Amino acid sequence: MNHKVVNAIYWTGIALTSLWFGTSGICELTNNPLVWNITLQLGYPPHFIYIPGVAKLSGIAVLLIPNKLNRLKEWVFAGMFFDIIFAFGSKLAVLGAAATVDAVIAYIMVGVTYLMFRKR
């Protein structure tokens, strides 16, 4: 695949991933009822919700730094995959299959972005 195409897909993926996880992180840190209600419904304690919020925003900051901190970016991608997998499993167990659509979309989006990261 052409280097320009890989870069375009990568930066588009980084932008979408940053929007996705940034929105989620901000909602977790600002007690947004939609995010908080779902998280509490899944059985997680309120004090837990802040931890992923901080992690998501910190991870986005790392991803947005061009051509630096590549080893740390690997960890950020790993953390995002863990977050997505746990969200998928929790939603499947408690809310049913229909509630997992967002996790599947996020998995594909982050997966393609990670593959382009590795190709760069």
C-alpha atoms as a PDB file:
ATOM      1  CA  MET A   1       0.000   0.000   0.000  1.00  0.00           C
ATOM      2  CA  ASN A   2       1.231   3.490  -0.892  1.00  0.00           C
ATOM      3  CA  HIS A   3       2.836   5.454   1.987  1.00  0.00           C
ATOM      4  CA  LYS A   4       0.497   8.422   1.409  1.00  0.00           C
ATOM      5  CA  VAL A   5      -2.556   6.164   1.595  1.00  0.00           C
ATOM      6  CA  VAL A   6      -1.276   4.527   4.789  1.00  0.00           C
ATOM      7  CA  ASN A   7      -0.666   7.962   6.334  1.00  0.00           C
ATOM      8  CA  ALA A   8      -4.099   9.227   5.280  1.00  0.00           C
ATOM      9  CA  ILE A   9      -5.845   6.179   6.755  1.00  0.00           C
ATOM     10  CA  TYR A  10      -3.702   6.385   9.902  1.00  0.00           C
ATOM     11  CA  TRP A  11      -4.380  10.074  10.589  1.00  0.00           C
ATOM     12  CA  THR A  12      -8.082   9.679   9.777  1.00  0.00           C
ATOM     13  CA  GLY A  13      -8.182   6.768  12.214  1.00  0.00           C
ATOM     14  CA  ILE A  14      -6.319   8.780  14.858  1.00  0.00           C
ATOM     15  CA  ALA A  15      -8.792  11.653  14.432  1.00  0.00           C
ATOM     16  CA  LEU A  16     -11.828   9.357  14.707  1.00  0.00           C
ATOM     17  CA  THR A  17     -10.330   7.406  17.606  1.00  0.00           C
ATOM     18  CA  SER A  18      -9.496  10.654  19.403  1.00  0.00           C
ATOM     19  CA  LEU A  19     -13.045  11.923  18.935  1.00  0.00           C
ATOM     20  CA  TRP A  20     -14.541   8.608  20.061  1.00  0.00           C
ATOM     21  CA  PHE A  21     -12.386   8.079  23.144  1.00  0.00           C
ATOM     22  CA  GLY A  22     -12.144  11.810  23.891  1.00  0.00           C
ATOM     23  CA  THR A  23     -15.904  12.134  24.027  1.00  0.00           C
ATOM     24  CA  SER A  24     -16.125   9.045  26.191  1.00  0.00           C
ATOM     25  CA  GLY A  25     -13.352  10.245  28.512  1.00  0.00           C
ATOM     26  CA  ILE A  26     -14.874  13.693  28.927  1.00  0.00           C
ATOM     27  CA  CYS A  27     -18.294  12.163  29.612  1.00  0.00           C
ATOM     28  CA  GLU A  28     -16.758   9.911  32.269  1.00  0.00           C
ATOM     29  CA  LEU A  29     -14.999  12.838  33.958  1.00  0.00           C
ATOM     30  CA  THR A  30     -18.001  15.197  33.843  1.00  0.00           C
ATOM     31  CA  ASN A  31     -20.599  12.762  35.207  1.00  0.00           C
ATOM     32  CA  ASN A  32     -22.537  12.698  31.936  1.00  0.00           C
ATOM     33  CA  PRO A  33     -25.756  10.812  32.815  1.00  0.00           C
ATOM     34  CA  LEU A  34     -25.789   8.704  29.662  1.00  0.00           C
ATOM     35  CA  VAL A  35     -22.307   7.284  30.224  1.00  0.00           C
ATOM     36  CA  TRP A  36     -22.627   7.094  33.991  1.00  0.00           C
ATOM     37  CA  ASN A  37     -26.017   5.360  33.911  1.00  0.00           C
ATOM     38  CA  ILE A  38     -24.808   2.690  31.497  1.00  0.00           C
ATOM     39  CA  THR A  39     -21.604   2.124  33.457  1.00  0.00           C
ATOM     40  CA  LEU A  40     -23.511   1.835  36.733  1.00  0.00           C
ATOM     41  CA  GLN A  41     -26.065  -0.443  35.062  1.00  0.00           C
ATOM     42  CA  LEU A  42     -23.179  -2.712  34.054  1.00  0.00           C
ATOM     43  CA  GLY A  43     -22.295  -3.008  37.742  1.00  0.00           C
ATOM     44  CA  TYR A  44     -19.170  -0.855  37.956  1.00  0.00           C
ATOM     45  CA  PRO A  45     -18.783   1.333  41.060  1.00  0.00           C
ATOM     46  CA  PRO A  46     -18.949   5.129  40.634  1.00  0.00           C
ATOM     47  CA  HIS A  47     -15.345   5.707  41.721  1.00  0.00           C
ATOM     48  CA  PHE A  48     -14.149   3.411  38.908  1.00  0.00           C
ATOM     49  CA  ILE A  49     -15.610   5.581  36.144  1.00  0.00           C
ATOM     50  CA  TYR A  50     -13.007   8.326  36.578  1.00  0.00           C
ATOM     51  CA  ILE A  51     -10.051   5.987  35.961  1.00  0.00           C
ATOM     52  CA  PRO A  52     -10.875   5.137  32.321  1.00  0.00           C
ATOM     53  CA  GLY A  53     -11.720   8.804  31.691  1.00  0.00           C
ATOM     54  CA  VAL A  54      -8.246   9.931  32.713  1.00  0.00           C
ATOM     55  CA  ALA A  55      -6.615   7.038  30.851  1.00  0.00           C
ATOM     56  CA  LYS A  56      -8.510   7.797  27.634  1.00  0.00           C
ATOM     57  CA  LEU A  57      -7.629  11.485  27.600  1.00  0.00           C
ATOM     58  CA  SER A  58      -3.984  10.742  28.446  1.00  0.00           C
ATOM     59  CA  GLY A  59      -3.841   8.137  25.684  1.00  0.00           C
ATOM     60  CA  ILE A  60      -5.268  10.528  23.130  1.00  0.00           C
ATOM     61  CA  ALA A  61      -2.619  13.093  24.031  1.00  0.00           C
ATOM     62  CA  VAL A  62       0.061  10.476  23.312  1.00  0.00           C
ATOM     63  CA  LEU A  63      -1.527   9.396  20.000  1.00  0.00           C
ATOM     64  CA  LEU A  64      -1.715  12.966  18.723  1.00  0.00           C
ATOM     65  CA  ILE A  65       2.044  13.556  19.079  1.00  0.00           C
ATOM     66  CA  PRO A  66       3.447  12.832  15.605  1.00  0.00           C
ATOM     67  CA  ASN A  67       6.457  10.522  15.207  1.00  0.00           C
ATOM     68  CA  LYS A  68       7.264  10.315  18.934  1.00  0.00           C
ATOM     69  CA  LEU A  69       6.597   7.959  21.834  1.00  0.00           C
ATOM     70  CA  ASN A  70       5.943   4.966  19.560  1.00  0.00           C
ATOM     71  CA  ARG A  71       6.430   2.392  22.329  1.00  0.00           C
ATOM     72  CA  LEU A  72       3.993   4.281  24.528  1.00  0.00           C
ATOM     73  CA  LYS A  73       1.545   4.421  21.600  1.00  0.00           C
ATOM     74  CA  GLU A  74       1.644   0.605  21.503  1.00  0.00           C
ATOM     75  CA  TRP A  75       0.499   0.623  25.134  1.00  0.00           C
ATOM     76  CA  VAL A  76      -2.224   3.152  24.352  1.00  0.00           C
ATOM     77  CA  PHE A  77      -3.564   0.915  21.584  1.00  0.00           C
ATOM     78  CA  ALA A  78      -3.426  -2.072  23.960  1.00  0.00           C
ATOM     79  CA  GLY A  79      -5.371  -0.116  26.565  1.00  0.00           C
ATOM     80  CA  MET A  80      -7.985   0.856  24.011  1.00  0.00           C
ATOM     81  CA  PHE A  81      -8.388  -2.755  22.947  1.00  0.00           C
ATOM     82  CA  PHE A  82      -8.805  -3.828  26.591  1.00  0.00           C
ATOM     83  CA  ASP A  83     -11.388  -1.085  27.123  1.00  0.00           C
ATOM     84  CA  ILE A  84     -13.314  -2.158  24.029  1.00  0.00           C
ATOM     85  CA  ILE A  85     -13.173  -5.864  24.889  1.00  0.00           C
ATOM     86  CA  PHE A  86     -14.323  -5.265  28.472  1.00  0.00           C
ATOM     87  CA  ALA A  87     -17.121  -2.959  27.262  1.00  0.00           C
ATOM     88  CA  PHE A  88     -18.211  -5.594  24.748  1.00  0.00           C
ATOM     89  CA  GLY A  89     -18.212  -8.375  27.341  1.00  0.00           C
ATOM     90  CA  SER A  90     -19.984  -6.327  29.988  1.00  0.00           C
ATOM     91  CA  LYS A  91     -22.656  -5.086  27.613  1.00  0.00           C
ATOM     92  CA  LEU A  92     -23.206  -8.540  26.143  1.00  0.00           C
ATOM     93  CA  ALA A  93     -23.618 -10.096  29.591  1.00  0.00           C
ATOM     94  CA  VAL A  94     -25.858  -7.407  31.082  1.00  0.00           C
ATOM     95  CA  LEU A  95     -27.603  -5.521  28.261  1.00  0.00           C
ATOM     96  CA  GLY A  96     -27.634  -8.032  25.402  1.00  0.00           C
ATOM     97  CA  ALA A  97     -26.091  -8.280  21.943  1.00  0.00           C
ATOM     98  CA  ALA A  98     -27.763  -5.167  20.511  1.00  0.00           C
ATOM     99  CA  ALA A  99     -25.918  -2.981  23.051  1.00  0.00           C
ATOM    100  CA  THR A 100     -22.511  -4.142  21.764  1.00  0.00           C
ATOM    101  CA  VAL A 101     -22.709  -2.443  18.358  1.00  0.00           C
ATOM    102  CA  ASP A 102     -20.631   0.525  19.504  1.00  0.00           C
ATOM    103  CA  ALA A 103     -17.905  -1.776  20.832  1.00  0.00           C
ATOM    104  CA  VAL A 104     -17.731  -3.642  17.520  1.00  0.00           C
ATOM    105  CA  ILE A 105     -17.456  -0.372  15.588  1.00  0.00           C
ATOM    106  CA  ALA A 106     -14.751   0.882  17.966  1.00  0.00           C
ATOM    107  CA  TYR A 107     -12.842  -2.410  17.640  1.00  0.00           C
ATOM    108  CA  ILE A 108     -12.792  -2.162  13.854  1.00  0.00           C
ATOM    109  CA  MET A 109     -11.856   1.529  13.909  1.00  0.00           C
ATOM    110  CA  VAL A 110      -9.009   1.094  16.400  1.00  0.00           C
ATOM    111  CA  GLY A 111      -7.897  -2.129  14.695  1.00  0.00           C
ATOM    112  CA  VAL A 112      -7.520  -0.477  11.287  1.00  0.00           C
ATOM    113  CA  THR A 113      -5.765   2.508  12.870  1.00  0.00           C
ATOM    114  CA  TYR A 114      -3.348   0.204  14.692  1.00  0.00           C
ATOM    115  CA  LEU A 115      -2.574  -1.720  11.504  1.00  0.00           C
ATOM    116  CA  MET A 116      -1.759   1.536   9.731  1.00  0.00           C
ATOM    117  CA  PHE A 117       0.391   2.574  12.724  1.00  0.00           C
ATOM    118  CA  ARG A 118       2.386  -0.649  12.315  1.00  0.00           C
ATOM    119  CA  LYS A 119       2.723  -0.141   8.529  1.00  0.00           C
ATOM    120  CA  ARG A 120       4.163   3.339   9.023  1.00  0.00           C
END
